[in-house]
N, C-alpha and C. Protein backbone atom coordinates (compact mmCIF):
# COMPACT_ATOMS: atom_id res chain seq x y z
N ARG A 1 1.62 319.13 -23.01
CA ARG A 1 1.15 317.67 -22.36
C ARG A 1 -0.05 317.42 -22.26
N PHE A 2 -0.86 315.97 -23.16
CA PHE A 2 -1.83 315.24 -23.32
C PHE A 2 -1.90 314.45 -22.45
N ASN A 3 -2.96 314.12 -21.30
CA ASN A 3 -3.61 312.91 -20.80
C ASN A 3 -1.77 312.50 -19.98
N ARG A 4 -1.52 314.01 -19.54
CA ARG A 4 -0.21 313.88 -18.54
C ARG A 4 0.79 312.93 -19.75
N GLU A 5 0.71 313.10 -20.76
CA GLU A 5 2.51 312.68 -21.74
C GLU A 5 2.87 313.71 -22.51
N ARG A 6 3.47 313.63 -22.91
CA ARG A 6 4.23 314.80 -23.52
C ARG A 6 3.99 314.92 -24.81
N CYS A 7 4.18 315.56 -25.45
CA CYS A 7 3.33 316.03 -26.63
C CYS A 7 3.98 316.88 -27.45
N MET A 8 4.50 317.04 -28.57
CA MET A 8 4.24 318.01 -29.52
C MET A 8 3.40 318.53 -30.02
N MET A 9 3.04 319.95 -30.42
CA MET A 9 1.58 319.98 -31.35
C MET A 9 1.83 321.03 -32.66
N MET A 10 1.24 320.54 -33.23
CA MET A 10 1.55 321.46 -35.02
C MET A 10 -0.17 322.05 -35.36
N GLN A 11 -0.32 323.10 -35.60
CA GLN A 11 -1.51 323.62 -35.79
C GLN A 11 -1.82 324.51 -37.44
N CYS A 12 -2.88 324.26 -37.84
CA CYS A 12 -2.58 325.03 -39.49
C CYS A 12 -4.28 325.47 -39.32
N GLU A 13 -4.61 326.07 -39.93
CA GLU A 13 -5.89 327.31 -40.69
C GLU A 13 -5.42 326.65 -42.51
N PRO A 14 -7.30 326.06 -42.77
CA PRO A 14 -7.13 326.23 -44.26
C PRO A 14 -7.71 328.02 -44.47
N LYS A 15 -7.25 328.05 -45.99
CA LYS A 15 -7.32 329.28 -46.49
C LYS A 15 -8.94 329.71 -46.15
N ARG A 16 -9.51 331.03 -46.63
CA ARG A 16 -10.89 331.18 -46.46
C ARG A 16 -11.51 330.28 -47.81
N GLY A 17 -12.40 329.31 -47.70
CA GLY A 17 -13.51 329.26 -49.00
C GLY A 17 -12.87 327.85 -49.31
N ALA A 18 -11.88 327.52 -48.56
CA ALA A 18 -11.43 326.50 -48.79
C ALA A 18 -11.96 324.87 -48.16
N ASN A 19 -12.11 324.09 -49.37
CA ASN A 19 -12.72 322.68 -48.98
C ASN A 19 -11.68 322.12 -47.59
N THR A 20 -12.45 322.26 -46.39
CA THR A 20 -11.62 321.66 -45.32
C THR A 20 -11.27 320.34 -45.22
N MET A 21 -11.87 319.40 -45.60
CA MET A 21 -11.77 318.12 -45.86
C MET A 21 -11.02 317.54 -46.70
N ALA A 22 -11.21 317.99 -47.86
CA ALA A 22 -9.71 317.93 -48.50
C ALA A 22 -8.51 318.78 -48.03
N ALA A 23 -8.35 319.49 -47.80
CA ALA A 23 -7.28 320.57 -47.38
C ALA A 23 -6.75 319.46 -45.87
N PHE A 24 -7.33 319.06 -45.03
CA PHE A 24 -7.12 318.17 -44.02
C PHE A 24 -6.38 316.79 -44.50
N LYS A 25 -7.04 316.17 -45.43
CA LYS A 25 -6.68 314.95 -46.21
C LYS A 25 -5.06 315.03 -46.87
N GLN A 26 -5.00 316.17 -47.51
CA GLN A 26 -4.08 316.15 -48.42
C GLN A 26 -3.00 316.61 -47.22
N VAL A 27 -3.02 317.45 -46.24
CA VAL A 27 -1.82 317.43 -45.06
C VAL A 27 -1.24 316.25 -44.53
N LEU A 28 -2.58 315.44 -44.16
CA LEU A 28 -2.03 314.35 -43.35
C LEU A 28 -2.09 313.08 -44.16
N THR A 29 -1.73 312.89 -45.55
CA THR A 29 -1.38 312.25 -46.37
C THR A 29 0.25 312.57 -46.19
N ALA A 30 0.16 313.99 -46.85
CA ALA A 30 1.50 314.76 -46.83
C ALA A 30 2.28 314.04 -45.51
N VAL A 31 2.28 314.41 -44.60
CA VAL A 31 2.56 314.42 -43.00
C VAL A 31 2.94 313.08 -43.03
N GLN A 32 2.05 311.93 -42.76
CA GLN A 32 2.04 310.48 -42.92
C GLN A 32 3.01 310.00 -44.32
N GLU A 33 3.26 310.56 -45.23
CA GLU A 33 4.77 310.03 -46.10
C GLU A 33 5.73 310.52 -45.83
N GLN A 34 5.77 311.79 -45.19
CA GLN A 34 7.05 311.88 -44.98
C GLN A 34 7.80 311.88 -43.49
N MET A 35 6.98 311.62 -43.21
CA MET A 35 7.58 311.18 -41.42
C MET A 35 7.54 310.38 -41.27
N GLN A 36 8.74 309.92 -40.10
CA GLN A 36 8.47 308.71 -39.92
C GLN A 36 8.73 308.76 -38.32
N LEU A 37 7.89 307.92 -37.52
CA LEU A 37 7.77 308.46 -36.00
C LEU A 37 9.19 307.26 -35.78
N PRO A 38 9.31 308.02 -34.46
CA PRO A 38 10.30 306.69 -33.88
C PRO A 38 9.24 305.71 -33.15
N GLU A 39 10.28 304.99 -32.23
CA GLU A 39 9.51 303.87 -31.37
C GLU A 39 9.03 304.54 -30.29
N GLY A 40 7.77 303.86 -29.92
CA GLY A 40 7.26 304.40 -28.77
C GLY A 40 6.32 305.72 -29.16
N TYR A 41 6.33 306.57 -30.22
CA TYR A 41 5.68 307.57 -30.48
C TYR A 41 4.33 307.03 -31.33
N LYS A 42 3.31 308.15 -31.07
CA LYS A 42 2.58 307.86 -31.87
C LYS A 42 1.86 309.69 -32.70
N MET A 43 0.76 309.32 -33.79
CA MET A 43 0.74 310.77 -34.27
C MET A 43 -1.31 310.78 -33.70
N LYS A 44 -1.38 311.92 -33.76
CA LYS A 44 -2.87 312.25 -33.57
C LYS A 44 -3.70 313.47 -34.04
N TYR A 45 -4.52 313.18 -34.85
CA TYR A 45 -5.15 315.16 -35.37
C TYR A 45 -6.56 315.83 -33.76
N PHE A 46 -6.19 316.61 -33.69
CA PHE A 46 -7.48 317.00 -33.26
C PHE A 46 -8.33 318.49 -33.82
N GLY A 47 -8.76 318.67 -32.97
CA GLY A 47 -9.50 320.30 -33.55
C GLY A 47 -10.95 319.46 -34.67
N GLU A 48 -11.51 320.19 -35.19
CA GLU A 48 -12.56 319.67 -36.17
C GLU A 48 -12.98 319.11 -36.92
N GLN A 49 -11.42 318.40 -37.26
CA GLN A 49 -11.72 317.01 -38.05
C GLN A 49 -12.09 316.12 -36.75
N GLU A 50 -11.52 315.42 -35.42
CA GLU A 50 -11.59 314.97 -35.12
C GLU A 50 -13.25 315.19 -34.06
N THR A 51 -14.07 316.46 -33.96
CA THR A 51 -15.56 316.22 -33.35
C THR A 51 -16.29 315.73 -34.54
N GLN A 52 -15.81 315.95 -36.31
CA GLN A 52 -16.40 315.97 -36.86
C GLN A 52 -16.30 313.62 -37.09
N ASP A 53 -15.45 313.50 -36.53
CA ASP A 53 -15.27 311.96 -37.15
C ASP A 53 -16.13 311.33 -35.59
N VAL A 54 -16.22 311.87 -34.53
CA VAL A 54 -16.99 311.57 -33.21
C VAL A 54 -18.37 311.73 -33.57
N SER A 55 -18.88 312.83 -34.27
CA SER A 55 -20.29 313.50 -34.58
C SER A 55 -20.46 312.36 -35.25
N ASN A 56 -19.98 311.97 -36.39
CA ASN A 56 -20.69 310.95 -37.72
C ASN A 56 -20.27 309.79 -37.07
N ALA A 57 -19.72 309.24 -36.56
CA ALA A 57 -19.78 307.60 -35.97
C ALA A 57 -21.16 307.66 -35.38
N ALA A 58 -21.38 308.76 -34.20
CA ALA A 58 -22.49 308.80 -33.35
C ALA A 58 -23.68 308.55 -33.88
N LEU A 59 -23.77 309.53 -35.15
CA LEU A 59 -24.78 309.74 -35.97
C LEU A 59 -25.36 308.68 -36.89
N ALA A 60 -24.18 307.64 -37.26
CA ALA A 60 -23.97 306.33 -38.18
C ALA A 60 -24.54 305.16 -37.43
N LYS A 61 -24.21 305.90 -36.07
CA LYS A 61 -24.95 304.05 -35.03
C LYS A 61 -26.41 304.51 -35.00
N ASN A 62 -27.24 305.88 -34.85
CA ASN A 62 -28.55 305.69 -34.94
C ASN A 62 -29.14 305.94 -36.00
N ILE A 63 -28.42 305.75 -37.28
CA ILE A 63 -29.47 306.05 -38.25
C ILE A 63 -30.28 304.95 -38.47
N PRO A 64 -29.93 303.43 -38.67
CA PRO A 64 -31.11 302.60 -38.82
C PRO A 64 -32.43 302.58 -37.74
N LEU A 65 -32.07 303.37 -36.22
CA LEU A 65 -32.99 303.22 -35.47
C LEU A 65 -34.12 304.18 -36.00
N THR A 66 -33.92 305.17 -36.80
CA THR A 66 -33.88 306.26 -37.64
C THR A 66 -35.11 306.16 -38.36
N PHE A 67 -34.30 305.36 -39.39
CA PHE A 67 -35.19 304.58 -40.34
C PHE A 67 -36.31 303.51 -40.13
N LEU A 68 -36.28 303.11 -39.19
CA LEU A 68 -37.21 302.08 -38.50
C LEU A 68 -38.27 302.93 -37.90
N LEU A 69 -38.03 304.03 -37.13
CA LEU A 69 -39.02 304.67 -36.14
C LEU A 69 -40.01 305.71 -37.63
N ILE A 70 -39.17 306.33 -38.78
CA ILE A 70 -39.65 306.36 -39.70
C ILE A 70 -40.89 305.80 -40.48
N TYR A 71 -40.44 304.03 -40.46
CA TYR A 71 -41.83 303.02 -40.93
C TYR A 71 -42.75 303.07 -40.24
N VAL A 72 -42.27 302.99 -38.45
CA VAL A 72 -43.20 302.64 -37.98
C VAL A 72 -44.57 303.86 -38.21
N VAL A 73 -43.79 305.22 -38.45
CA VAL A 73 -44.78 306.51 -38.10
C VAL A 73 -45.70 306.22 -39.54
N LEU A 74 -45.14 305.77 -40.83
CA LEU A 74 -45.59 305.46 -41.65
C LEU A 74 -46.88 304.80 -41.58
N LEU A 75 -46.52 303.41 -40.66
CA LEU A 75 -47.77 302.61 -40.61
C LEU A 75 -49.09 302.82 -39.83
N PHE A 76 -48.45 303.86 -39.30
CA PHE A 76 -49.35 304.26 -38.05
C PHE A 76 -50.69 305.60 -39.05
N LEU A 77 -49.28 305.96 -40.51
CA LEU A 77 -50.24 307.17 -41.20
C LEU A 77 -51.38 306.18 -42.02
N PHE A 78 -50.55 305.49 -42.75
CA PHE A 78 -51.18 304.50 -43.73
C PHE A 78 -51.66 302.76 -43.15
N PRO A 79 -52.56 302.42 -42.01
CA PRO A 79 -52.78 301.41 -41.22
C PRO A 79 -53.10 300.62 -42.22
N SER A 80 -54.03 300.53 -43.35
CA SER A 80 -54.51 299.81 -44.51
C SER A 80 -53.63 298.98 -45.59
N ASN A 81 -52.69 299.56 -45.50
CA ASN A 81 -51.98 299.08 -46.68
C ASN A 81 -50.00 299.52 -46.38
N TYR A 82 -49.30 297.85 -45.87
CA TYR A 82 -48.21 298.51 -45.55
C TYR A 82 -47.68 298.77 -46.96
N ARG A 83 -47.82 298.52 -48.32
CA ARG A 83 -47.31 299.13 -49.11
C ARG A 83 -46.79 300.36 -49.66
N LYS A 84 -47.72 301.42 -49.05
CA LYS A 84 -47.76 302.78 -49.08
C LYS A 84 -46.19 302.97 -48.38
N PRO A 85 -46.08 302.86 -47.07
CA PRO A 85 -44.95 303.09 -46.73
C PRO A 85 -43.77 302.73 -47.67
N VAL A 86 -43.62 301.45 -47.46
CA VAL A 86 -42.56 301.05 -48.68
C VAL A 86 -42.39 301.57 -49.64
N LEU A 87 -43.23 302.07 -50.28
CA LEU A 87 -43.36 303.26 -51.57
C LEU A 87 -42.73 304.01 -51.28
N ILE A 88 -43.07 304.81 -50.08
CA ILE A 88 -42.27 305.97 -50.09
C ILE A 88 -41.00 306.03 -49.43
N MET A 89 -40.24 305.00 -48.58
CA MET A 89 -39.36 304.69 -48.13
C MET A 89 -38.51 304.39 -49.33
N LEU A 90 -38.48 303.52 -50.37
CA LEU A 90 -37.89 303.50 -51.77
C LEU A 90 -37.09 304.43 -52.13
N MET A 91 -38.51 306.05 -52.13
CA MET A 91 -37.99 306.72 -52.69
C MET A 91 -36.17 307.82 -51.98
N LEU A 92 -36.25 307.24 -50.79
CA LEU A 92 -35.11 307.94 -50.16
C LEU A 92 -33.90 307.39 -50.91
N PRO A 93 -33.17 306.53 -51.28
CA PRO A 93 -32.00 305.88 -51.75
C PRO A 93 -31.67 307.17 -52.74
N LEU A 94 -32.59 307.51 -53.66
CA LEU A 94 -33.14 308.12 -54.77
C LEU A 94 -32.08 309.92 -54.61
N VAL A 95 -32.36 309.95 -53.36
CA VAL A 95 -32.14 311.46 -53.16
C VAL A 95 -30.29 311.98 -53.31
N PHE A 96 -29.69 310.68 -52.99
CA PHE A 96 -28.53 311.01 -52.73
C PHE A 96 -28.35 310.68 -54.06
N ILE A 97 -28.55 310.97 -55.25
CA ILE A 97 -28.42 311.96 -56.80
C ILE A 97 -28.08 313.15 -56.54
N GLY A 98 -29.51 313.63 -55.95
CA GLY A 98 -29.03 314.99 -55.59
C GLY A 98 -28.45 315.34 -54.83
N VAL A 99 -27.69 314.66 -53.94
CA VAL A 99 -26.72 315.14 -52.93
C VAL A 99 -25.70 315.24 -53.41
N VAL A 100 -25.27 314.51 -54.05
CA VAL A 100 -24.04 314.30 -55.04
C VAL A 100 -23.80 315.14 -55.93
N TRP A 101 -25.01 315.63 -56.12
CA TRP A 101 -24.51 316.42 -57.53
C TRP A 101 -24.57 318.00 -57.43
N GLY A 102 -25.28 318.31 -55.73
CA GLY A 102 -24.87 319.45 -55.05
C GLY A 102 -23.66 319.71 -54.93
N LEU A 103 -23.19 318.21 -53.95
CA LEU A 103 -21.68 318.88 -53.27
C LEU A 103 -20.63 319.22 -54.30
N LEU A 104 -20.83 318.58 -55.95
CA LEU A 104 -19.65 318.50 -56.89
C LEU A 104 -20.31 319.83 -57.55
N LEU A 105 -21.48 320.09 -57.76
CA LEU A 105 -21.64 321.82 -58.35
C LEU A 105 -21.04 322.58 -57.74
N PHE A 106 -21.49 322.73 -56.58
CA PHE A 106 -20.55 324.08 -55.17
C PHE A 106 -19.34 323.76 -54.98
N GLY A 107 -18.58 322.30 -55.49
CA GLY A 107 -17.51 322.29 -54.58
C GLY A 107 -16.99 322.20 -53.33
N LYS A 108 -18.34 321.01 -52.57
CA LYS A 108 -18.57 321.23 -51.03
C LYS A 108 -18.03 319.75 -50.61
N SER A 109 -18.33 319.22 -49.49
CA SER A 109 -17.55 317.51 -48.86
C SER A 109 -18.72 317.77 -48.44
N LEU A 110 -18.68 316.23 -47.92
CA LEU A 110 -20.08 315.79 -46.95
C LEU A 110 -19.63 315.89 -45.65
N ASP A 111 -19.01 317.03 -45.07
CA ASP A 111 -19.26 316.88 -43.25
C ASP A 111 -20.09 317.09 -42.92
N PHE A 112 -19.94 317.08 -41.76
CA PHE A 112 -20.60 316.56 -40.26
C PHE A 112 -21.92 317.45 -40.62
N PHE A 113 -22.08 319.15 -41.02
CA PHE A 113 -23.39 319.49 -41.27
C PHE A 113 -23.53 319.20 -41.98
N ALA A 114 -22.97 319.29 -43.58
CA ALA A 114 -23.82 318.08 -44.80
C ALA A 114 -24.69 316.95 -44.15
N ILE A 115 -23.96 316.28 -43.58
CA ILE A 115 -24.77 314.79 -42.81
C ILE A 115 -26.34 315.27 -42.06
N LEU A 116 -26.41 316.50 -41.29
CA LEU A 116 -27.53 317.18 -40.82
C LEU A 116 -28.28 317.33 -41.83
N GLY A 117 -27.88 317.88 -42.71
CA GLY A 117 -28.32 318.71 -43.76
C GLY A 117 -29.01 317.44 -44.60
N LEU A 118 -28.60 316.86 -44.57
CA LEU A 118 -29.20 314.99 -45.05
C LEU A 118 -30.52 314.82 -44.47
N LEU A 119 -29.98 314.52 -43.13
CA LEU A 119 -31.23 314.22 -42.53
C LEU A 119 -32.25 315.05 -42.40
N GLY A 120 -32.18 316.41 -42.97
CA GLY A 120 -33.46 316.97 -42.62
C GLY A 120 -34.08 317.20 -43.92
N LEU A 121 -32.82 316.75 -44.83
CA LEU A 121 -34.05 316.55 -46.41
C LEU A 121 -34.57 315.35 -46.54
N ILE A 122 -33.97 314.23 -45.39
CA ILE A 122 -34.95 312.67 -45.60
C ILE A 122 -36.26 313.29 -45.80
N GLY A 123 -36.72 313.87 -43.82
CA GLY A 123 -37.52 314.36 -43.65
C GLY A 123 -38.64 315.29 -44.83
N MET A 124 -37.91 316.13 -45.52
CA MET A 124 -38.67 317.09 -46.13
C MET A 124 -39.21 315.78 -47.54
N ASN A 125 -38.21 314.94 -48.19
CA ASN A 125 -38.57 313.94 -49.07
C ASN A 125 -39.99 313.69 -48.75
N ILE A 126 -39.91 313.13 -47.21
CA ILE A 126 -41.09 311.85 -46.72
C ILE A 126 -42.38 312.44 -47.03
N LYS A 127 -42.14 313.65 -46.28
CA LYS A 127 -43.29 314.61 -46.64
C LYS A 127 -44.00 315.37 -47.71
N ASN A 128 -43.27 315.47 -48.67
CA ASN A 128 -43.38 315.51 -49.85
C ASN A 128 -44.34 314.53 -50.53
N ALA A 129 -43.54 313.00 -50.47
CA ALA A 129 -43.96 311.99 -50.61
C ALA A 129 -45.28 311.54 -49.92
N ILE A 130 -45.47 311.65 -48.79
CA ILE A 130 -46.81 311.50 -47.92
C ILE A 130 -48.16 312.54 -48.52
N VAL A 131 -47.78 313.45 -49.20
CA VAL A 131 -48.94 314.52 -49.33
C VAL A 131 -49.12 313.76 -50.89
N LEU A 132 -48.54 313.44 -51.89
CA LEU A 132 -49.15 312.80 -53.13
C LEU A 132 -49.58 312.13 -52.60
N VAL A 133 -48.87 310.53 -51.98
CA VAL A 133 -49.71 309.36 -51.99
C VAL A 133 -50.86 309.62 -51.18
N ASP A 134 -51.16 310.65 -49.90
CA ASP A 134 -52.51 310.76 -49.90
C ASP A 134 -53.32 311.26 -50.35
N GLU A 135 -53.32 312.39 -51.47
CA GLU A 135 -53.92 312.76 -52.31
C GLU A 135 -54.25 311.65 -52.64
N ILE A 136 -53.51 310.71 -53.56
CA ILE A 136 -54.37 309.77 -54.20
C ILE A 136 -55.17 308.97 -54.12
N GLY A 137 -54.55 308.81 -52.50
CA GLY A 137 -55.89 307.77 -51.83
C GLY A 137 -57.69 308.50 -51.73
N LEU A 138 -57.34 310.37 -51.71
CA LEU A 138 -58.42 311.11 -51.34
C LEU A 138 -58.88 310.72 -52.82
N GLN A 139 -57.94 310.68 -53.68
CA GLN A 139 -58.87 310.76 -55.10
C GLN A 139 -59.82 309.44 -55.49
N LEU A 140 -59.07 308.73 -55.05
CA LEU A 140 -59.72 307.08 -55.20
C LEU A 140 -61.21 306.70 -53.96
N LYS A 141 -61.15 308.11 -52.88
CA LYS A 141 -62.54 307.32 -51.88
C LYS A 141 -63.58 308.35 -52.97
N ASP A 142 -62.72 309.26 -54.00
CA ASP A 142 -64.07 310.38 -54.75
C ASP A 142 -64.47 309.56 -55.28
N GLY A 143 -64.08 308.15 -55.66
CA GLY A 143 -64.86 307.30 -57.29
C GLY A 143 -64.16 307.95 -58.01
N LYS A 144 -62.84 308.11 -58.27
CA LYS A 144 -62.25 308.01 -59.69
C LYS A 144 -61.36 306.75 -59.69
N GLY A 145 -61.39 306.80 -61.12
CA GLY A 145 -60.81 305.48 -61.50
C GLY A 145 -59.34 305.43 -61.44
N ALA A 146 -58.06 304.75 -61.32
CA ALA A 146 -57.04 304.80 -60.49
C ALA A 146 -55.73 305.64 -61.11
N VAL A 147 -56.28 305.72 -62.50
CA VAL A 147 -55.15 306.12 -63.73
C VAL A 147 -55.38 307.84 -63.42
N PRO A 148 -56.92 307.91 -63.45
CA PRO A 148 -57.03 309.37 -62.92
C PRO A 148 -56.56 309.97 -62.02
N ALA A 149 -56.84 309.22 -61.10
CA ALA A 149 -56.60 309.41 -59.40
C ALA A 149 -55.98 310.15 -59.48
N VAL A 150 -54.53 309.19 -60.00
CA VAL A 150 -53.18 308.95 -59.99
C VAL A 150 -52.69 310.64 -60.60
N VAL A 151 -53.23 310.60 -62.28
CA VAL A 151 -52.77 312.00 -62.61
C VAL A 151 -53.42 313.14 -62.28
N GLU A 152 -54.72 312.73 -61.50
CA GLU A 152 -55.11 314.12 -60.56
C GLU A 152 -54.29 314.73 -59.88
N ALA A 153 -54.00 313.81 -59.08
CA ALA A 153 -53.55 313.81 -57.50
C ALA A 153 -52.01 314.51 -57.72
N THR A 154 -51.24 314.26 -58.63
CA THR A 154 -50.28 314.40 -59.26
C THR A 154 -49.86 316.24 -59.80
N LYS A 155 -51.12 316.02 -60.80
CA LYS A 155 -51.23 317.72 -60.88
C LYS A 155 -51.69 318.64 -59.79
N THR A 156 -52.82 318.39 -59.02
CA THR A 156 -53.05 319.50 -57.89
C THR A 156 -51.68 319.21 -56.77
N ARG A 157 -50.48 318.30 -56.81
CA ARG A 157 -49.79 318.16 -55.88
C ARG A 157 -48.62 319.21 -56.41
N ILE A 158 -48.67 319.34 -57.51
CA ILE A 158 -47.22 320.00 -58.45
C ILE A 158 -46.84 321.10 -57.88
N VAL A 159 -48.48 322.22 -57.57
CA VAL A 159 -47.38 323.68 -57.28
C VAL A 159 -47.00 323.27 -55.88
N PRO A 160 -47.78 322.74 -54.67
CA PRO A 160 -47.46 322.99 -53.53
C PRO A 160 -46.14 322.36 -52.79
N VAL A 161 -45.47 321.08 -53.95
CA VAL A 161 -45.09 320.87 -53.19
C VAL A 161 -43.58 321.39 -54.40
N THR A 162 -43.14 321.79 -55.50
CA THR A 162 -42.57 323.04 -55.94
C THR A 162 -42.38 324.05 -55.20
N MET A 163 -43.76 324.80 -54.89
CA MET A 163 -42.88 326.25 -54.08
C MET A 163 -42.59 325.64 -52.69
N ALA A 164 -42.47 324.73 -51.87
CA ALA A 164 -42.03 324.53 -50.71
C ALA A 164 -40.41 324.05 -51.01
N SER A 165 -40.48 323.46 -52.13
CA SER A 165 -39.05 322.73 -51.79
C SER A 165 -38.49 324.29 -52.59
N GLY A 166 -39.23 325.63 -53.51
CA GLY A 166 -38.18 326.39 -54.52
C GLY A 166 -37.92 327.18 -53.13
N THR A 167 -38.55 327.83 -52.45
CA THR A 167 -38.44 328.73 -51.02
C THR A 167 -37.47 327.80 -50.03
N THR A 168 -37.16 326.48 -49.83
CA THR A 168 -36.20 326.14 -49.66
C THR A 168 -34.47 326.60 -49.72
N ILE A 169 -35.15 326.14 -51.05
CA ILE A 169 -33.30 326.26 -51.70
C ILE A 169 -33.11 327.66 -52.11
N LEU A 170 -34.05 328.55 -52.33
CA LEU A 170 -33.47 330.21 -52.28
C LEU A 170 -33.27 330.52 -50.95
N GLY A 171 -33.53 330.12 -50.00
CA GLY A 171 -33.37 330.20 -48.59
C GLY A 171 -31.55 329.83 -48.25
N MET A 172 -31.40 329.17 -48.90
CA MET A 172 -30.32 327.97 -48.64
C MET A 172 -29.13 328.62 -49.15
N LEU A 173 -29.65 329.72 -50.43
CA LEU A 173 -28.13 330.43 -51.08
C LEU A 173 -27.31 331.32 -50.08
N PRO A 174 -27.51 331.94 -49.48
CA PRO A 174 -26.66 332.90 -48.36
C PRO A 174 -25.63 332.05 -47.49
N LEU A 175 -25.94 330.55 -47.76
CA LEU A 175 -25.21 329.96 -46.61
C LEU A 175 -23.70 329.05 -47.13
N LEU A 176 -24.23 329.45 -48.98
CA LEU A 176 -23.40 328.64 -49.66
C LEU A 176 -21.97 329.54 -49.49
N GLY A 177 -21.51 330.71 -49.59
CA GLY A 177 -20.11 330.81 -48.62
C GLY A 177 -19.91 331.11 -47.23
N ASP A 178 -20.86 330.56 -46.73
CA ASP A 178 -20.35 330.63 -44.81
C ASP A 178 -19.17 328.80 -44.99
N ALA A 179 -18.38 329.22 -44.22
CA ALA A 179 -17.28 328.45 -44.02
C ALA A 179 -17.93 326.76 -43.31
N MET A 180 -18.93 327.32 -42.73
CA MET A 180 -19.45 326.36 -41.58
C MET A 180 -20.56 325.47 -42.33
N PHE A 181 -21.60 326.18 -43.20
CA PHE A 181 -23.03 325.60 -43.06
C PHE A 181 -22.77 325.21 -44.89
N ALA A 182 -22.00 325.38 -45.36
CA ALA A 182 -21.95 325.45 -46.85
C ALA A 182 -22.16 324.16 -47.29
N GLY A 183 -21.42 323.05 -46.92
CA GLY A 183 -21.70 321.95 -46.94
C GLY A 183 -23.26 321.30 -46.71
N MET A 184 -23.79 321.64 -45.82
CA MET A 184 -25.27 321.78 -45.39
C MET A 184 -26.29 322.06 -47.09
N ALA A 185 -26.08 323.78 -46.88
CA ALA A 185 -26.85 324.42 -48.10
C ALA A 185 -26.56 323.98 -49.25
N ALA A 186 -25.33 323.16 -49.98
CA ALA A 186 -25.14 322.11 -51.23
C ALA A 186 -26.02 321.12 -50.83
N THR A 187 -26.22 320.35 -49.84
CA THR A 187 -26.92 319.22 -49.74
C THR A 187 -27.98 318.95 -50.11
N LEU A 188 -28.77 320.47 -49.26
CA LEU A 188 -30.57 320.58 -49.33
C LEU A 188 -30.53 320.55 -50.53
N MET A 189 -30.05 321.99 -50.71
CA MET A 189 -30.62 322.43 -52.40
C MET A 189 -30.63 321.43 -53.25
N GLY A 190 -29.36 320.21 -53.37
CA GLY A 190 -29.22 319.34 -54.22
C GLY A 190 -29.96 318.40 -54.60
N GLY A 191 -30.07 318.16 -53.30
CA GLY A 191 -31.04 316.99 -52.83
C GLY A 191 -32.76 317.17 -52.71
N LEU A 192 -33.10 318.82 -52.36
CA LEU A 192 -34.76 319.21 -52.47
C LEU A 192 -34.66 319.17 -54.02
N PHE A 193 -33.80 319.72 -54.87
CA PHE A 193 -34.07 319.98 -56.48
C PHE A 193 -34.62 318.38 -57.16
N VAL A 194 -33.77 317.39 -56.94
CA VAL A 194 -33.95 315.66 -57.07
C VAL A 194 -35.16 314.98 -56.44
N SER A 195 -35.29 315.55 -55.45
CA SER A 195 -36.06 314.71 -54.89
C SER A 195 -37.86 315.47 -55.57
N THR A 196 -37.85 316.95 -55.35
CA THR A 196 -39.09 317.15 -56.26
C THR A 196 -39.68 316.92 -57.68
N VAL A 197 -38.90 316.64 -58.22
CA VAL A 197 -38.19 315.84 -59.51
C VAL A 197 -38.89 314.15 -59.54
N LEU A 198 -38.37 313.60 -58.20
CA LEU A 198 -38.29 312.59 -58.10
C LEU A 198 -40.30 312.25 -57.47
N THR A 199 -40.74 313.46 -57.19
CA THR A 199 -41.50 313.21 -56.57
C THR A 199 -42.97 313.07 -57.68
N ILE A 200 -42.87 314.32 -58.25
CA ILE A 200 -43.91 314.34 -59.10
C ILE A 200 -43.97 313.89 -60.36
N PHE A 201 -42.77 312.84 -60.91
CA PHE A 201 -42.62 312.20 -62.05
C PHE A 201 -42.23 310.51 -61.64
N VAL A 202 -41.14 310.32 -60.73
CA VAL A 202 -41.03 308.82 -60.53
C VAL A 202 -42.05 308.24 -59.67
N LEU A 203 -42.67 309.05 -58.31
CA LEU A 203 -43.18 308.52 -57.56
C LEU A 203 -44.40 308.07 -58.08
N PRO A 204 -45.99 308.99 -59.20
CA PRO A 204 -46.67 308.24 -59.62
C PRO A 204 -46.16 307.14 -60.22
N VAL A 205 -45.11 307.01 -61.19
CA VAL A 205 -45.17 305.72 -62.01
C VAL A 205 -45.07 304.58 -61.37
N THR A 206 -43.87 304.92 -59.70
CA THR A 206 -43.57 303.51 -59.05
C THR A 206 -45.35 303.26 -58.47
N TYR A 207 -45.92 303.86 -57.66
CA TYR A 207 -47.38 303.87 -57.66
C TYR A 207 -47.98 302.82 -58.27
N CYS A 208 -47.79 303.37 -59.25
CA CYS A 208 -48.60 302.69 -60.71
C CYS A 208 -48.38 301.04 -60.85
N ILE A 209 -46.95 300.97 -60.34
CA ILE A 209 -46.45 299.58 -60.56
C ILE A 209 -46.33 298.69 -59.40
N PHE A 210 -46.72 299.12 -58.07
CA PHE A 210 -46.88 298.93 -56.84
C PHE A 210 -48.02 298.38 -56.53
N PHE A 211 -49.21 299.02 -57.42
CA PHE A 211 -50.53 298.69 -56.86
C PHE A 211 -51.04 297.94 -58.65
N LYS A 212 -50.26 297.70 -59.40
CA LYS A 212 -50.59 296.93 -60.60
C LYS A 212 -51.74 297.98 -61.49
N ILE A 213 -51.38 299.06 -61.62
CA ILE A 213 -52.50 300.07 -62.01
C ILE A 213 -52.02 300.28 -63.61
N ARG A 214 -53.10 300.02 -64.46
CA ARG A 214 -52.85 300.03 -65.70
C ARG A 214 -53.57 300.85 -66.25
N ALA A 215 -53.26 301.73 -67.84
CA ALA A 215 -53.86 303.07 -68.21
C ALA A 215 -55.16 301.58 -69.30
N ASP A 216 -56.20 302.01 -68.79
CA ASP A 216 -57.70 301.32 -69.63
C ASP A 216 -57.91 301.45 -71.19
N ARG A 217 -57.78 300.26 -71.72
CA ARG A 217 -57.54 300.25 -73.35
C ARG A 217 -59.09 300.47 -73.99
């Protein structure tokens, strides 16, 4: 019985190393297509997928507030210029390119733990962007021109940013074979690789566009 109602339960487990979300969708689709429920009966799924759906709904509900709080914190960090927080936030959607590539490359799905990894990835990407934008500000305070300041700041931040991302990517390698945390590892590895490239190449260009910096002729 379930909630004082009679029920019939069918249970199965995916093969080791299989994509659990893909397996669930395949089984659920086959059951829905081939089974006609009599009047008064209903079908409900339990287990890992139900838990993930509930958790994902709770995360999705609070994500807008999370981004708002991140922007407020960035405003406190850069109180003299609201465009810097906007610039840093604009880098976040591009991280999904790396997330998709990572999941496709390793054959993983965007499950609950992958979403947790994505949230952690957002924080890492913002940290890298803050380091570069802040360094550009320090170079400008030292009296350098706008273009030399952007170039020098990017050059000095390449090693710290790439080393921090590289060590994290290597640290995720053992988790790729884990049935529970493989999606999170693929998300972090793909997202960090792309976010590092974005920080080094795309962010400086976007900074120049935002602040209308042009090379001296």
